[in-house]
All heavy atoms as atom14 arrays in JSON, in Angstrom:
{
  "sequence": "EIEVMGRDIGGIAVHAAARVMAKSGAEEVLVSRV",
  "atom14_mask": [
    [1, 1, 1, 1, 1, 1, 1, 1, 1, 0, 0, 0, 0, 0],
    [1, 1, 1, 1, 1, 1, 1, 1, 0, 0, 0, 0, 0, 0],
    [1, 1, 1, 1, 1, 1, 1, 1, 1, 0, 0, 0, 0, 0],
    [1, 1, 1, 1, 1, 1, 1, 0, 0, 0, 0, 0, 0, 0],
    [1, 1, 1, 1, 1, 1, 1, 1, 0, 0, 0, 0, 0, 0],
    [1, 1, 1, 1, 0, 0, 0, 0, 0, 0, 0, 0, 0, 0],
    [1, 1, 1, 1, 1, 1, 1, 1, 1, 1, 1, 0, 0, 0],
    [1, 1, 1, 1, 1, 1, 1, 1, 0, 0, 0, 0, 0, 0],
    [1, 1, 1, 1, 1, 1, 1, 1, 0, 0, 0, 0, 0, 0],
    [1, 1, 1, 1, 0, 0, 0, 0, 0, 0, 0, 0, 0, 0],
    [1, 1, 1, 1, 0, 0, 0, 0, 0, 0, 0, 0, 0, 0],
    [1, 1, 1, 1, 1, 1, 1, 1, 0, 0, 0, 0, 0, 0],
    [1, 1, 1, 1, 1, 0, 0, 0, 0, 0, 0, 0, 0, 0],
    [1, 1, 1, 1, 1, 1, 1, 0, 0, 0, 0, 0, 0, 0],
    [1, 1, 1, 1, 1, 1, 1, 1, 1, 1, 0, 0, 0, 0],
    [1, 1, 1, 1, 1, 0, 0, 0, 0, 0, 0, 0, 0, 0],
    [1, 1, 1, 1, 1, 0, 0, 0, 0, 0, 0, 0, 0, 0],
    [1, 1, 1, 1, 1, 0, 0, 0, 0, 0, 0, 0, 0, 0],
    [1, 1, 1, 1, 1, 1, 1, 1, 1, 1, 1, 0, 0, 0],
    [1, 1, 1, 1, 1, 1, 1, 0, 0, 0, 0, 0, 0, 0],
    [1, 1, 1, 1, 1, 1, 1, 1, 0, 0, 0, 0, 0, 0],
    [1, 1, 1, 1, 1, 0, 0, 0, 0, 0, 0, 0, 0, 0],
    [1, 1, 1, 1, 1, 1, 1, 1, 1, 0, 0, 0, 0, 0],
    [1, 1, 1, 1, 1, 1, 0, 0, 0, 0, 0, 0, 0, 0],
    [1, 1, 1, 1, 0, 0, 0, 0, 0, 0, 0, 0, 0, 0],
    [1, 1, 1, 1, 1, 0, 0, 0, 0, 0, 0, 0, 0, 0],
    [1, 1, 1, 1, 1, 1, 1, 1, 1, 0, 0, 0, 0, 0],
    [1, 1, 1, 1, 1, 1, 1, 1, 1, 0, 0, 0, 0, 0],
    [1, 1, 1, 1, 1, 1, 1, 0, 0, 0, 0, 0, 0, 0],
    [1, 1, 1, 1, 1, 1, 1, 1, 0, 0, 0, 0, 0, 0],
    [1, 1, 1, 1, 1, 1, 1, 0, 0, 0, 0, 0, 0, 0],
    [1, 1, 1, 1, 1, 1, 0, 0, 0, 0, 0, 0, 0, 0],
    [1, 1, 1, 1, 1, 1, 1, 1, 1, 1, 1, 0, 0, 0],
    [1, 1, 1, 1, 1, 1, 1, 0, 0, 0, 0, 0, 0, 0]
  ],
  "atom14_positions": [
    [[87.09, 103.08, 189.17], [86.07, 104.04, 189.03], [84.95, 103.43, 188.16], [85.16, 102.64, 187.25], [86.47, 105.28, 188.43], [87.51, 106.14, 189.13], [86.89, 106.78, 190.36], [85.9, 107.18, 190.31], [87.55, 106.7, 191.38], [0.0, 0.0, 0.0], [0.0, 0.0, 0.0], [0.0, 0.0, 0.0], [0.0, 0.0, 0.0], [0.0, 0.0, 0.0]],
    [[83.7, 103.69, 188.48], [82.68, 103.23, 187.78], [81.73, 104.36, 187.33], [81.77, 105.45, 187.83], [81.75, 102.2, 188.5], [81.21, 102.83, 189.83], [82.47, 100.89, 188.91], [80.14, 102.01, 190.61], [0.0, 0.0, 0.0], [0.0, 0.0, 0.0], [0.0, 0.0, 0.0], [0.0, 0.0, 0.0], [0.0, 0.0, 0.0], [0.0, 0.0, 0.0]],
    [[80.94, 104.12, 186.19], [79.92, 105.02, 185.78], [78.46, 104.66, 186.31], [78.13, 103.38, 186.27], [79.84, 105.0, 184.29], [80.72, 105.68, 183.5], [80.4, 105.59, 182.01], [79.32, 106.01, 181.6], [81.19, 105.01, 181.32], [0.0, 0.0, 0.0], [0.0, 0.0, 0.0], [0.0, 0.0, 0.0], [0.0, 0.0, 0.0], [0.0, 0.0, 0.0]],
    [[77.79, 105.51, 187.03], [76.48, 105.22, 187.61], [75.57, 105.64, 186.42], [75.48, 106.77, 185.91], [76.24, 106.0, 188.84], [74.78, 105.62, 189.27], [77.19, 105.58, 189.86], [0.0, 0.0, 0.0], [0.0, 0.0, 0.0], [0.0, 0.0, 0.0], [0.0, 0.0, 0.0], [0.0, 0.0, 0.0], [0.0, 0.0, 0.0], [0.0, 0.0, 0.0]],
    [[74.73, 104.78, 185.97], [73.82, 104.86, 184.86], [72.36, 104.58, 185.4], [72.04, 103.44, 185.21], [74.17, 104.13, 183.63], [75.61, 104.35, 183.23], [76.24, 103.16, 181.95], [75.83, 101.63, 182.52], [0.0, 0.0, 0.0], [0.0, 0.0, 0.0], [0.0, 0.0, 0.0], [0.0, 0.0, 0.0], [0.0, 0.0, 0.0], [0.0, 0.0, 0.0]],
    [[71.68, 105.45, 186.15], [70.48, 105.22, 186.79], [70.74, 104.21, 187.91], [71.5, 104.56, 188.8], [0.0, 0.0, 0.0], [0.0, 0.0, 0.0], [0.0, 0.0, 0.0], [0.0, 0.0, 0.0], [0.0, 0.0, 0.0], [0.0, 0.0, 0.0], [0.0, 0.0, 0.0], [0.0, 0.0, 0.0], [0.0, 0.0, 0.0], [0.0, 0.0, 0.0]],
    [[70.05, 102.97, 187.76], [70.31, 101.94, 188.79], [71.43, 100.99, 188.37], [71.71, 100.11, 189.18], [68.99, 101.17, 189.09], [67.93, 102.03, 189.72], [66.74, 101.37, 190.16], [66.02, 102.11, 191.09], [65.05, 101.47, 191.72], [64.87, 100.26, 191.75], [64.46, 102.33, 192.74], [0.0, 0.0, 0.0], [0.0, 0.0, 0.0], [0.0, 0.0, 0.0]],
    [[71.94, 101.07, 187.21], [72.96, 100.36, 186.82], [74.32, 100.94, 186.79], [74.47, 102.07, 187.14], [72.61, 99.85, 185.3], [73.28, 98.5, 184.91], [74.05, 97.94, 185.66], [73.12, 98.05, 183.74], [0.0, 0.0, 0.0], [0.0, 0.0, 0.0], [0.0, 0.0, 0.0], [0.0, 0.0, 0.0], [0.0, 0.0, 0.0], [0.0, 0.0, 0.0]],
    [[75.33, 100.18, 186.47], [76.7, 100.7, 186.58], [77.52, 100.21, 185.3], [77.04, 99.32, 184.66], [77.56, 100.34, 187.81], [77.7, 98.95, 187.83], [76.96, 100.95, 189.08], [78.66, 98.38, 189.08], [0.0, 0.0, 0.0], [0.0, 0.0, 0.0], [0.0, 0.0, 0.0], [0.0, 0.0, 0.0], [0.0, 0.0, 0.0], [0.0, 0.0, 0.0]],
    [[78.56, 100.88, 184.89], [79.2, 100.57, 183.74], [80.65, 101.09, 183.79], [81.04, 101.63, 184.93], [0.0, 0.0, 0.0], [0.0, 0.0, 0.0], [0.0, 0.0, 0.0], [0.0, 0.0, 0.0], [0.0, 0.0, 0.0], [0.0, 0.0, 0.0], [0.0, 0.0, 0.0], [0.0, 0.0, 0.0], [0.0, 0.0, 0.0], [0.0, 0.0, 0.0]],
    [[81.4, 100.96, 182.81], [82.79, 101.45, 182.79], [83.79, 100.3, 182.74], [83.42, 99.15, 182.94], [0.0, 0.0, 0.0], [0.0, 0.0, 0.0], [0.0, 0.0, 0.0], [0.0, 0.0, 0.0], [0.0, 0.0, 0.0], [0.0, 0.0, 0.0], [0.0, 0.0, 0.0], [0.0, 0.0, 0.0], [0.0, 0.0, 0.0], [0.0, 0.0, 0.0]],
    [[85.02, 100.68, 182.52], [86.13, 99.73, 182.39], [86.18, 98.97, 183.64], [86.49, 97.59, 183.57], [87.41, 100.4, 182.18], [87.48, 101.21, 180.88], [88.67, 99.48, 182.12], [87.17, 100.31, 179.59], [0.0, 0.0, 0.0], [0.0, 0.0, 0.0], [0.0, 0.0, 0.0], [0.0, 0.0, 0.0], [0.0, 0.0, 0.0], [0.0, 0.0, 0.0]],
    [[86.06, 99.41, 184.8], [86.15, 98.58, 186.06], [85.14, 97.55, 186.06], [85.39, 96.34, 186.56], [86.07, 99.57, 187.3], [0.0, 0.0, 0.0], [0.0, 0.0, 0.0], [0.0, 0.0, 0.0], [0.0, 0.0, 0.0], [0.0, 0.0, 0.0], [0.0, 0.0, 0.0], [0.0, 0.0, 0.0], [0.0, 0.0, 0.0], [0.0, 0.0, 0.0]],
    [[83.98, 97.69, 185.58], [82.92, 96.73, 185.59], [83.3, 95.67, 184.63], [83.11, 94.46, 184.8], [81.59, 97.33, 185.27], [80.46, 96.26, 185.09], [81.1, 98.38, 186.24], [0.0, 0.0, 0.0], [0.0, 0.0, 0.0], [0.0, 0.0, 0.0], [0.0, 0.0, 0.0], [0.0, 0.0, 0.0], [0.0, 0.0, 0.0], [0.0, 0.0, 0.0]],
    [[83.74, 96.0, 183.4], [84.17, 94.99, 182.44], [85.35, 94.18, 183.01], [85.25, 92.99, 182.77], [84.73, 95.76, 181.13], [83.53, 96.39, 180.41], [82.52, 95.61, 179.72], [83.19, 97.67, 180.34], [81.59, 96.5, 179.15], [82.02, 97.71, 179.59], [0.0, 0.0, 0.0], [0.0, 0.0, 0.0], [0.0, 0.0, 0.0], [0.0, 0.0, 0.0]],
    [[86.35, 94.8, 183.65], [87.47, 94.03, 184.26], [86.86, 93.05, 185.31], [87.25, 91.9, 185.28], [88.49, 95.03, 184.88], [0.0, 0.0, 0.0], [0.0, 0.0, 0.0], [0.0, 0.0, 0.0], [0.0, 0.0, 0.0], [0.0, 0.0, 0.0], [0.0, 0.0, 0.0], [0.0, 0.0, 0.0], [0.0, 0.0, 0.0], [0.0, 0.0, 0.0]],
    [[85.98, 93.48, 186.14], [85.44, 92.53, 187.14], [84.84, 91.4, 186.39], [84.93, 90.14, 186.94], [84.42, 93.27, 188.09], [0.0, 0.0, 0.0], [0.0, 0.0, 0.0], [0.0, 0.0, 0.0], [0.0, 0.0, 0.0], [0.0, 0.0, 0.0], [0.0, 0.0, 0.0], [0.0, 0.0, 0.0], [0.0, 0.0, 0.0], [0.0, 0.0, 0.0]],
    [[84.04, 91.63, 185.36], [83.42, 90.52, 184.62], [84.33, 89.53, 184.09], [84.28, 88.35, 184.16], [82.45, 91.03, 183.55], [0.0, 0.0, 0.0], [0.0, 0.0, 0.0], [0.0, 0.0, 0.0], [0.0, 0.0, 0.0], [0.0, 0.0, 0.0], [0.0, 0.0, 0.0], [0.0, 0.0, 0.0], [0.0, 0.0, 0.0], [0.0, 0.0, 0.0]],
    [[85.55, 90.02, 183.58], [86.54, 89.23, 182.92], [87.23, 88.29, 184.14], [87.58, 87.28, 183.79], [87.59, 90.04, 182.22], [87.13, 90.95, 181.01], [86.38, 90.03, 180.03], [85.87, 90.86, 178.9], [84.71, 91.23, 178.83], [83.88, 90.94, 179.88], [84.15, 91.83, 177.91], [0.0, 0.0, 0.0], [0.0, 0.0, 0.0], [0.0, 0.0, 0.0]],
    [[87.45, 89.07, 185.18], [88.13, 88.24, 186.32], [87.19, 87.11, 186.7], [87.65, 85.93, 186.91], [88.28, 89.13, 187.48], [88.85, 88.41, 188.77], [89.38, 90.2, 187.18], [0.0, 0.0, 0.0], [0.0, 0.0, 0.0], [0.0, 0.0, 0.0], [0.0, 0.0, 0.0], [0.0, 0.0, 0.0], [0.0, 0.0, 0.0], [0.0, 0.0, 0.0]],
    [[85.92, 87.34, 186.84], [84.88, 86.28, 187.3], [84.88, 85.14, 186.15], [84.92, 83.97, 186.47], [83.57, 86.93, 187.33], [82.65, 85.78, 187.91], [80.9, 85.83, 187.26], [81.03, 85.95, 185.49], [0.0, 0.0, 0.0], [0.0, 0.0, 0.0], [0.0, 0.0, 0.0], [0.0, 0.0, 0.0], [0.0, 0.0, 0.0], [0.0, 0.0, 0.0]],
    [[84.95, 85.5, 185.0], [85.0, 84.52, 183.88], [86.11, 83.5, 183.96], [86.02, 82.48, 183.43], [85.01, 85.29, 182.49], [0.0, 0.0, 0.0], [0.0, 0.0, 0.0], [0.0, 0.0, 0.0], [0.0, 0.0, 0.0], [0.0, 0.0, 0.0], [0.0, 0.0, 0.0], [0.0, 0.0, 0.0], [0.0, 0.0, 0.0], [0.0, 0.0, 0.0]],
    [[87.24, 84.01, 184.55], [88.45, 83.05, 184.79], [88.4, 82.26, 185.97], [89.16, 81.4, 186.14], [89.75, 84.03, 184.62], [89.87, 84.75, 183.39], [91.23, 84.9, 183.04], [91.42, 85.52, 181.61], [91.47, 84.57, 180.58], [0.0, 0.0, 0.0], [0.0, 0.0, 0.0], [0.0, 0.0, 0.0], [0.0, 0.0, 0.0], [0.0, 0.0, 0.0]],
    [[87.44, 82.59, 186.88], [87.53, 81.8, 188.14], [86.74, 80.53, 187.97], [85.86, 80.33, 187.04], [86.74, 82.68, 189.25], [85.44, 82.78, 189.07], [0.0, 0.0, 0.0], [0.0, 0.0, 0.0], [0.0, 0.0, 0.0], [0.0, 0.0, 0.0], [0.0, 0.0, 0.0], [0.0, 0.0, 0.0], [0.0, 0.0, 0.0], [0.0, 0.0, 0.0]],
    [[87.09, 79.54, 188.86], [86.46, 78.26, 188.8], [85.44, 78.21, 189.84], [85.15, 79.08, 190.6], [0.0, 0.0, 0.0], [0.0, 0.0, 0.0], [0.0, 0.0, 0.0], [0.0, 0.0, 0.0], [0.0, 0.0, 0.0], [0.0, 0.0, 0.0], [0.0, 0.0, 0.0], [0.0, 0.0, 0.0], [0.0, 0.0, 0.0], [0.0, 0.0, 0.0]],
    [[84.83, 76.93, 189.82], [83.71, 76.64, 190.82], [84.2, 76.89, 192.31], [85.33, 76.51, 192.68], [83.26, 75.2, 190.68], [0.0, 0.0, 0.0], [0.0, 0.0, 0.0], [0.0, 0.0, 0.0], [0.0, 0.0, 0.0], [0.0, 0.0, 0.0], [0.0, 0.0, 0.0], [0.0, 0.0, 0.0], [0.0, 0.0, 0.0], [0.0, 0.0, 0.0]],
    [[83.49, 77.59, 193.11], [83.81, 77.88, 194.44], [85.0, 78.59, 194.62], [85.71, 78.55, 195.7], [83.76, 76.56, 195.29], [82.35, 75.89, 195.24], [82.27, 74.64, 196.0], [83.2, 74.34, 196.76], [81.27, 73.87, 195.81], [0.0, 0.0, 0.0], [0.0, 0.0, 0.0], [0.0, 0.0, 0.0], [0.0, 0.0, 0.0], [0.0, 0.0, 0.0]],
    [[85.46, 79.49, 193.59], [86.56, 80.18, 193.66], [86.37, 81.71, 193.72], [85.44, 82.07, 192.82], [87.56, 79.83, 192.37], [88.77, 80.5, 192.54], [89.64, 80.0, 191.36], [89.28, 79.96, 190.24], [90.89, 79.79, 191.56], [0.0, 0.0, 0.0], [0.0, 0.0, 0.0], [0.0, 0.0, 0.0], [0.0, 0.0, 0.0], [0.0, 0.0, 0.0]],
    [[86.89, 82.46, 194.47], [86.91, 83.85, 194.37], [88.16, 84.36, 193.82], [89.36, 84.29, 194.49], [86.7, 84.41, 195.89], [86.73, 85.97, 195.78], [85.34, 84.06, 196.36], [0.0, 0.0, 0.0], [0.0, 0.0, 0.0], [0.0, 0.0, 0.0], [0.0, 0.0, 0.0], [0.0, 0.0, 0.0], [0.0, 0.0, 0.0], [0.0, 0.0, 0.0]],
    [[88.05, 85.03, 192.69], [89.34, 85.42, 191.87], [89.34, 86.94, 191.93], [88.22, 87.52, 191.78], [89.33, 84.93, 190.61], [90.6, 84.91, 189.84], [91.74, 84.22, 190.47], [90.41, 84.34, 188.3], [0.0, 0.0, 0.0], [0.0, 0.0, 0.0], [0.0, 0.0, 0.0], [0.0, 0.0, 0.0], [0.0, 0.0, 0.0], [0.0, 0.0, 0.0]],
    [[90.33, 87.57, 192.29], [90.51, 88.96, 192.42], [91.51, 89.51, 191.46], [92.52, 88.9, 191.15], [90.81, 89.54, 193.79], [89.61, 89.07, 194.67], [92.1, 89.11, 194.35], [0.0, 0.0, 0.0], [0.0, 0.0, 0.0], [0.0, 0.0, 0.0], [0.0, 0.0, 0.0], [0.0, 0.0, 0.0], [0.0, 0.0, 0.0], [0.0, 0.0, 0.0]],
    [[91.4, 90.83, 191.02], [92.34, 91.45, 190.08], [93.69, 91.83, 190.91], [93.64, 91.89, 192.16], [91.81, 92.63, 189.44], [91.65, 93.67, 190.32], [0.0, 0.0, 0.0], [0.0, 0.0, 0.0], [0.0, 0.0, 0.0], [0.0, 0.0, 0.0], [0.0, 0.0, 0.0], [0.0, 0.0, 0.0], [0.0, 0.0, 0.0], [0.0, 0.0, 0.0]],
    [[94.79, 92.07, 190.21], [95.99, 92.38, 190.9], [95.72, 93.66, 191.69], [96.27, 93.82, 192.85], [97.07, 92.67, 189.82], [98.48, 93.02, 190.56], [99.46, 93.26, 189.44], [99.56, 92.27, 188.47], [100.32, 91.07, 188.5], [100.82, 90.83, 189.55], [100.22, 90.24, 187.48], [0.0, 0.0, 0.0], [0.0, 0.0, 0.0], [0.0, 0.0, 0.0]],
    [[94.93, 94.6, 191.3], [94.69, 95.89, 192.1], [94.04, 95.55, 193.38], [94.47, 96.03, 194.44], [93.72, 96.8, 191.18], [93.43, 98.07, 192.04], [94.42, 97.32, 189.91], [0.0, 0.0, 0.0], [0.0, 0.0, 0.0], [0.0, 0.0, 0.0], [0.0, 0.0, 0.0], [0.0, 0.0, 0.0], [0.0, 0.0, 0.0], [0.0, 0.0, 0.0]]
  ]
}
């Protein structure tokens, strides 16, 4: 679930996606367990 804030989004799911991306390497698509 995300929060819609005008044209932006927020919430725990957005933070989780950012953390997953931060752990990925070059040319890597990393996904959460969910």
